[in-house]
Amino acid sequence: MEPEAHARPAGPVPEGRVAEEALAYHREGRPGKIEVRATKPCSSARDLALAYTPGVAAPCRAILEAPDRSFTYTARGNLVAVVTNGTAVLGLGAIGPTAGKPVMEGKAVLFKRFADIDCFDLELDCRDPEEVVRVVAALEPTFGGINLEDIKAPDCFYVEEQLRQRLAIPVFHDDQHGTAIIAAAAFLNALEVTGRDLEATRVVVCGAGAAGIATANLLLELGLPRERLTVCDSRGPITTARAGEVNPYKARLARDLPPEAATFEGVMQGADAFIG
């Protein structure tokens, strides 16, 4: 069901009024951007007897016999958790879980509006990646999928790896793979437009956070030769000489470069593509 429409002008927000209008958008009517709605009739004693006690015991017993029936008798199959601990929220940084909640509600709106997927946003008050893994893993029976959001690197890599190993439902880190998919698609399109061969293309990726590392890894999976990819962080190209100074996710992408070439300017010479 579409939410009630509020009278609001169409077109872009006037310059200088974004903050004012955004605060009003989030505040007016029911605060926030999401709500929970019943999908079954609940207007009579008969409906209540089926939705709750005593009727609800029947799907409970069915699921007890075969846990996968939870996807038949509950909303689980169309329910995604949008999970953050607020350590790397958009361009705002480590603003914490409570301040990051409007972003997570916004992501839930996108899931619902464009894919009709229901979401619960979960803002976790814990910075320890092990604790994030423990909490999210314990919630597996509730959800059909996990969307990790705005967790700082390198913690985000560890959290996703651990959850994928432990859970039997899909786990997706949007900041990594959402960006990587779009960047890789644009890159492949550029190769086609310019008539270049993937295996003969030299690529420089500038940025070695969640998005940059995921993009680099996806390009390698697509067939870009390892020796034709250079990843740079804030200190320059990630080289084998620096491998011991960086986190293991960066170290996996380290290149063996001579000192005179191990600068941003050096690796850009002769590069065919720049992603950053």
Protein backbone atom coordinates (compact mmCIF):
# COMPACT_ATOMS: atom_id res chain seq x y z
CA MET A 1 0.00 0.00 0.00
CA GLU A 2 1.34 3.40 -0.96
CA PRO A 3 1.79 5.89 1.90
CA GLU A 4 -0.52 8.88 2.07
CA ALA A 5 0.67 11.64 -0.21
CA HIS A 6 1.77 14.91 1.40
CA ALA A 7 1.43 18.13 -0.53
CA ARG A 8 4.97 18.75 -1.70
CA PRO A 9 6.27 20.59 -4.77
CA ALA A 10 7.69 18.48 -7.58
CA GLY A 11 11.14 19.10 -9.02
CA PRO A 12 14.52 19.70 -7.40
CA VAL A 13 14.91 21.19 -3.93
CA PRO A 14 15.97 24.86 -4.19
CA GLU A 15 19.60 25.55 -3.40
CA GLY A 16 20.09 26.41 0.24
CA ARG A 17 16.88 24.72 1.38
CA VAL A 18 17.92 21.05 1.39
CA ALA A 19 18.47 20.77 5.16
CA GLU A 20 15.26 22.66 6.02
CA GLU A 21 13.10 20.62 3.65
CA ALA A 22 14.74 17.33 4.62
CA LEU A 23 14.02 17.93 8.31
CA ALA A 24 10.39 18.76 7.51
CA TYR A 25 10.13 15.67 5.27
CA HIS A 26 11.30 13.41 8.10
CA ARG A 27 9.29 15.16 10.81
CA GLU A 28 5.82 15.79 9.38
CA GLY A 29 3.03 13.24 9.72
CA ARG A 30 4.29 10.10 11.42
CA PRO A 31 7.99 10.73 12.19
CA GLY A 32 10.52 8.81 10.12
CA LYS A 33 9.99 7.07 6.78
CA ILE A 34 8.79 3.52 7.47
CA GLU A 35 6.07 1.58 9.29
CA VAL A 36 4.80 -2.00 9.70
CA ARG A 37 1.48 -2.94 8.09
CA ALA A 38 -0.56 -6.15 8.39
CA THR A 39 -0.82 -8.21 5.19
CA LYS A 40 -3.80 -10.31 6.30
CA PRO A 41 -7.31 -9.28 7.40
CA CYS A 42 -7.53 -8.54 11.10
CA SER A 43 -11.00 -7.10 11.56
CA SER A 44 -12.91 -9.84 13.37
CA ALA A 45 -12.60 -12.32 16.23
CA ARG A 46 -12.21 -15.06 13.59
CA ASP A 47 -9.24 -13.22 12.01
CA LEU A 48 -7.63 -12.75 15.41
CA ALA A 49 -8.07 -16.44 16.22
CA LEU A 50 -6.16 -17.31 13.03
CA ALA A 51 -3.49 -14.60 13.28
CA TYR A 52 -2.76 -15.29 16.92
CA THR A 53 -3.92 -17.84 19.46
CA PRO A 54 -5.12 -20.54 18.98
CA GLY A 55 -4.64 -20.69 15.18
CA VAL A 56 -1.03 -19.53 15.10
CA ALA A 57 0.01 -22.80 16.72
CA ALA A 58 -0.55 -24.62 13.41
CA PRO A 59 2.19 -22.81 11.41
CA CYS A 60 4.45 -22.99 14.47
CA ARG A 61 4.14 -26.81 14.52
CA ALA A 62 4.62 -26.99 10.75
CA ILE A 63 7.84 -24.95 10.95
CA LEU A 64 9.07 -27.04 13.88
CA GLU A 65 8.79 -30.12 11.66
CA ALA A 66 10.53 -28.43 8.71
CA PRO A 67 12.28 -25.08 9.43
CA ASP A 68 12.27 -24.05 5.75
CA ARG A 69 8.50 -23.73 6.03
CA SER A 70 9.21 -20.42 7.76
CA PHE A 71 9.49 -19.06 4.21
CA THR A 72 5.95 -20.33 3.48
CA TYR A 73 4.11 -19.33 6.63
CA THR A 74 5.88 -16.10 7.67
CA ALA A 75 7.16 -12.92 6.04
CA ARG A 76 10.76 -14.13 6.39
CA GLY A 77 11.35 -14.76 2.68
CA ASN A 78 10.68 -11.13 1.79
CA LEU A 79 12.27 -9.58 4.88
CA VAL A 80 15.77 -8.09 4.89
CA ALA A 81 17.75 -6.67 7.80
CA VAL A 82 19.55 -3.39 7.06
CA VAL A 83 22.33 -3.47 9.67
CA THR A 84 24.84 -0.82 10.71
CA ASN A 85 26.91 0.19 13.70
CA GLY A 86 27.28 3.74 12.40
CA THR A 87 31.06 3.67 12.02
CA ALA A 88 31.18 4.93 8.41
CA VAL A 89 27.90 6.61 7.47
CA LEU A 90 27.88 8.06 3.95
CA GLY A 91 30.05 11.19 3.99
CA LEU A 92 29.34 11.79 7.66
CA GLY A 93 31.86 9.36 9.16
CA ALA A 94 31.57 7.62 12.52
CA ILE A 95 28.39 9.34 13.71
CA GLY A 96 27.14 6.31 15.62
CA PRO A 97 24.08 4.06 15.30
CA THR A 98 21.37 6.48 16.44
CA ALA A 99 22.42 9.34 14.16
CA GLY A 100 22.77 6.85 11.31
CA LYS A 101 19.17 5.61 11.64
CA PRO A 102 17.70 8.02 9.03
CA VAL A 103 20.08 6.53 6.45
CA MET A 104 19.03 2.98 7.31
CA GLU A 105 15.35 3.92 7.14
CA GLY A 106 16.12 5.47 3.76
CA LYS A 107 17.67 2.23 2.51
CA ALA A 108 14.57 0.37 3.73
CA VAL A 109 12.44 2.81 1.70
CA LEU A 110 14.50 2.05 -1.42
CA PHE A 111 14.09 -1.71 -0.94
CA LYS A 112 10.32 -1.32 -0.58
CA ARG A 113 9.75 1.32 -3.27
CA PHE A 114 11.85 -0.25 -6.02
CA ALA A 115 11.73 -3.99 -5.23
CA ASP A 116 8.75 -4.42 -2.85
CA ILE A 117 11.09 -6.01 -0.29
CA ASP A 118 10.30 -5.40 3.37
CA CYS A 119 13.05 -4.30 5.74
CA PHE A 120 13.78 -3.78 9.40
CA ASP A 121 16.59 -1.33 10.04
CA LEU A 122 18.86 -2.45 12.89
CA GLU A 123 21.29 0.05 14.41
CA LEU A 124 23.76 -1.79 16.67
CA ASP A 125 25.49 -0.01 19.53
CA CYS A 126 28.73 -1.98 19.23
CA ARG A 127 31.99 -1.19 17.45
CA ASP A 128 33.64 -4.58 18.01
CA PRO A 129 33.27 -6.54 14.75
CA GLU A 130 33.06 -9.82 16.68
CA GLU A 131 30.06 -8.47 18.58
CA VAL A 132 28.41 -7.30 15.35
CA VAL A 133 28.85 -10.80 13.92
CA ARG A 134 27.43 -12.41 17.06
CA VAL A 135 24.33 -10.19 17.16
CA VAL A 136 23.52 -10.46 13.45
CA ALA A 137 24.09 -14.24 13.40
CA ALA A 138 21.66 -14.64 16.30
CA LEU A 139 18.98 -12.87 14.23
CA GLU A 140 19.15 -15.30 11.29
CA PRO A 141 15.77 -16.97 12.08
CA THR A 142 14.00 -13.62 11.54
CA PHE A 143 15.28 -12.67 8.10
CA GLY A 144 15.61 -13.91 4.53
CA GLY A 145 18.74 -11.82 3.92
CA ILE A 146 21.21 -9.44 5.56
CA ASN A 147 22.21 -6.09 4.06
CA LEU A 148 25.25 -4.66 5.87
CA GLU A 149 25.52 -0.90 5.64
CA ASP A 150 27.99 1.81 6.63
CA ILE A 151 30.41 -0.31 8.67
CA LYS A 152 33.98 0.98 8.52
CA ALA A 153 36.81 -0.79 6.74
CA PRO A 154 38.50 -3.14 7.40
CA ASP A 155 35.88 -4.32 9.93
CA CYS A 156 33.26 -4.58 7.19
CA PHE A 157 35.29 -7.22 5.32
CA TYR A 158 35.67 -9.38 8.41
CA VAL A 159 32.00 -9.04 9.41
CA GLU A 160 30.80 -10.05 5.97
CA GLU A 161 33.22 -12.98 5.68
CA GLN A 162 32.22 -14.36 9.06
CA LEU A 163 28.50 -14.00 8.47
CA ARG A 164 28.70 -15.66 5.06
CA GLN A 165 30.44 -18.61 6.65
CA ARG A 166 27.93 -18.91 9.49
CA LEU A 167 24.57 -18.11 7.90
CA ALA A 168 22.44 -20.02 5.44
CA ILE A 169 20.85 -16.82 4.08
CA PRO A 170 22.38 -14.25 1.71
CA VAL A 171 24.69 -11.60 3.20
CA PHE A 172 25.46 -8.48 1.17
CA HIS A 173 27.54 -5.43 2.09
CA ASP A 174 26.13 -2.59 0.04
CA ASP A 175 29.14 -0.28 0.35
CA GLN A 176 31.35 -2.99 -1.12
CA HIS A 177 29.30 -4.82 -3.69
CA GLY A 178 26.69 -2.26 -4.64
CA THR A 179 29.45 0.15 -5.64
CA ALA A 180 31.61 -2.55 -7.21
CA ILE A 181 28.79 -3.82 -9.43
CA ILE A 182 28.04 -0.35 -10.79
CA ALA A 183 31.72 0.53 -11.27
CA ALA A 184 32.44 -2.76 -13.03
CA ALA A 185 29.43 -2.35 -15.31
CA ALA A 186 30.58 1.13 -16.32
CA PHE A 187 34.12 -0.16 -16.85
CA LEU A 188 32.99 -3.01 -19.11
CA ASN A 189 30.80 -0.61 -21.08
CA ALA A 190 33.76 1.77 -21.51
CA LEU A 191 35.88 -1.10 -22.83
CA GLU A 192 33.21 -1.91 -25.40
CA VAL A 193 32.75 1.71 -26.45
CA THR A 194 36.51 2.30 -26.85
CA GLY A 195 37.26 -1.09 -28.40
CA ARG A 196 39.74 -2.13 -25.69
CA ASP A 197 40.53 -5.67 -24.61
CA LEU A 198 40.12 -6.35 -20.88
CA GLU A 199 43.30 -8.37 -20.62
CA ALA A 200 45.36 -5.58 -22.21
CA THR A 201 43.94 -2.74 -20.08
CA ARG A 202 45.89 -1.06 -17.29
CA VAL A 203 43.70 0.10 -14.41
CA VAL A 204 44.37 2.33 -11.42
CA VAL A 205 41.90 2.27 -8.52
CA CYS A 206 42.23 5.23 -6.17
CA GLY A 207 40.75 4.47 -2.76
CA ALA A 208 41.25 1.32 -0.70
CA GLY A 209 38.23 1.34 1.57
CA ALA A 210 35.20 -0.92 1.27
CA ALA A 211 34.18 0.26 -2.22
CA GLY A 212 37.66 0.46 -3.70
CA ILE A 213 38.82 -2.96 -2.53
CA ALA A 214 35.56 -4.63 -3.59
CA THR A 215 35.75 -2.98 -7.01
CA ALA A 216 39.35 -4.12 -7.48
CA ASN A 217 38.48 -7.68 -6.49
CA LEU A 218 35.52 -7.77 -8.87
CA LEU A 219 37.66 -6.54 -11.77
CA LEU A 220 40.08 -9.39 -11.07
CA GLU A 221 37.19 -11.88 -11.01
CA LEU A 222 36.05 -10.53 -14.37
CA GLY A 223 39.44 -11.40 -15.86
CA LEU A 224 41.63 -8.32 -15.47
CA PRO A 225 45.22 -9.58 -15.14
CA ARG A 226 46.65 -9.06 -11.66
CA GLU A 227 49.73 -7.28 -13.01
CA ARG A 228 47.56 -4.70 -14.79
CA LEU A 229 45.77 -3.51 -11.64
CA THR A 230 47.18 -0.97 -9.18
CA VAL A 231 45.28 0.08 -6.07
CA CYS A 232 46.19 3.28 -4.24
CA ASP A 233 45.31 4.44 -0.75
CA SER A 234 46.01 7.77 0.94
CA ARG A 235 49.74 7.01 1.00
CA GLY A 236 50.05 6.04 -2.65
CA PRO A 237 50.19 2.71 -4.51
CA ILE A 238 49.82 -0.40 -2.37
CA THR A 239 53.04 -2.25 -3.08
CA THR A 240 54.62 -5.44 -1.77
CA ALA A 241 57.10 -3.21 0.09
CA ARG A 242 54.15 -1.82 2.08
CA ALA A 243 52.30 -5.13 2.51
CA GLY A 244 53.34 -5.46 6.14
CA GLU A 245 52.04 -1.96 6.97
CA VAL A 246 48.48 -2.33 5.67
CA ASN A 247 45.49 -4.48 6.63
CA PRO A 248 45.31 -7.94 5.02
CA TYR A 249 42.56 -6.94 2.61
CA LYS A 250 44.80 -4.25 1.13
CA ALA A 251 47.84 -6.54 1.26
CA ARG A 252 46.13 -9.05 -1.03
CA LEU A 253 46.12 -6.38 -3.73
CA ALA A 254 49.75 -5.30 -3.31
CA ARG A 255 51.88 -5.01 -6.46
CA ASP A 256 55.61 -5.42 -6.87
CA LEU A 257 56.74 -2.02 -8.16
CA PRO A 258 60.21 -0.43 -8.25
CA PRO A 259 60.53 2.51 -5.84
CA GLU A 260 60.73 5.08 -8.65
CA ALA A 261 57.36 3.90 -10.03
CA ALA A 262 55.63 3.53 -6.65
CA THR A 263 53.96 6.94 -6.73
CA PHE A 264 50.51 8.01 -7.82
CA GLU A 265 52.01 9.93 -10.72
CA GLY A 266 54.12 6.92 -11.67
CA VAL A 267 51.28 4.42 -11.87
CA MET A 268 49.08 6.85 -13.79
CA GLN A 269 51.61 7.01 -16.61
CA GLY A 270 50.35 4.66 -19.29
CA ALA A 271 47.15 3.79 -17.42
CA ASP A 272 44.08 3.16 -19.59
CA ALA A 273 41.43 3.51 -16.88
CA PHE A 274 41.12 5.38 -13.58
CA ILE A 275 38.48 4.45 -11.01
CA GLY A 276 38.18 6.61 -7.93
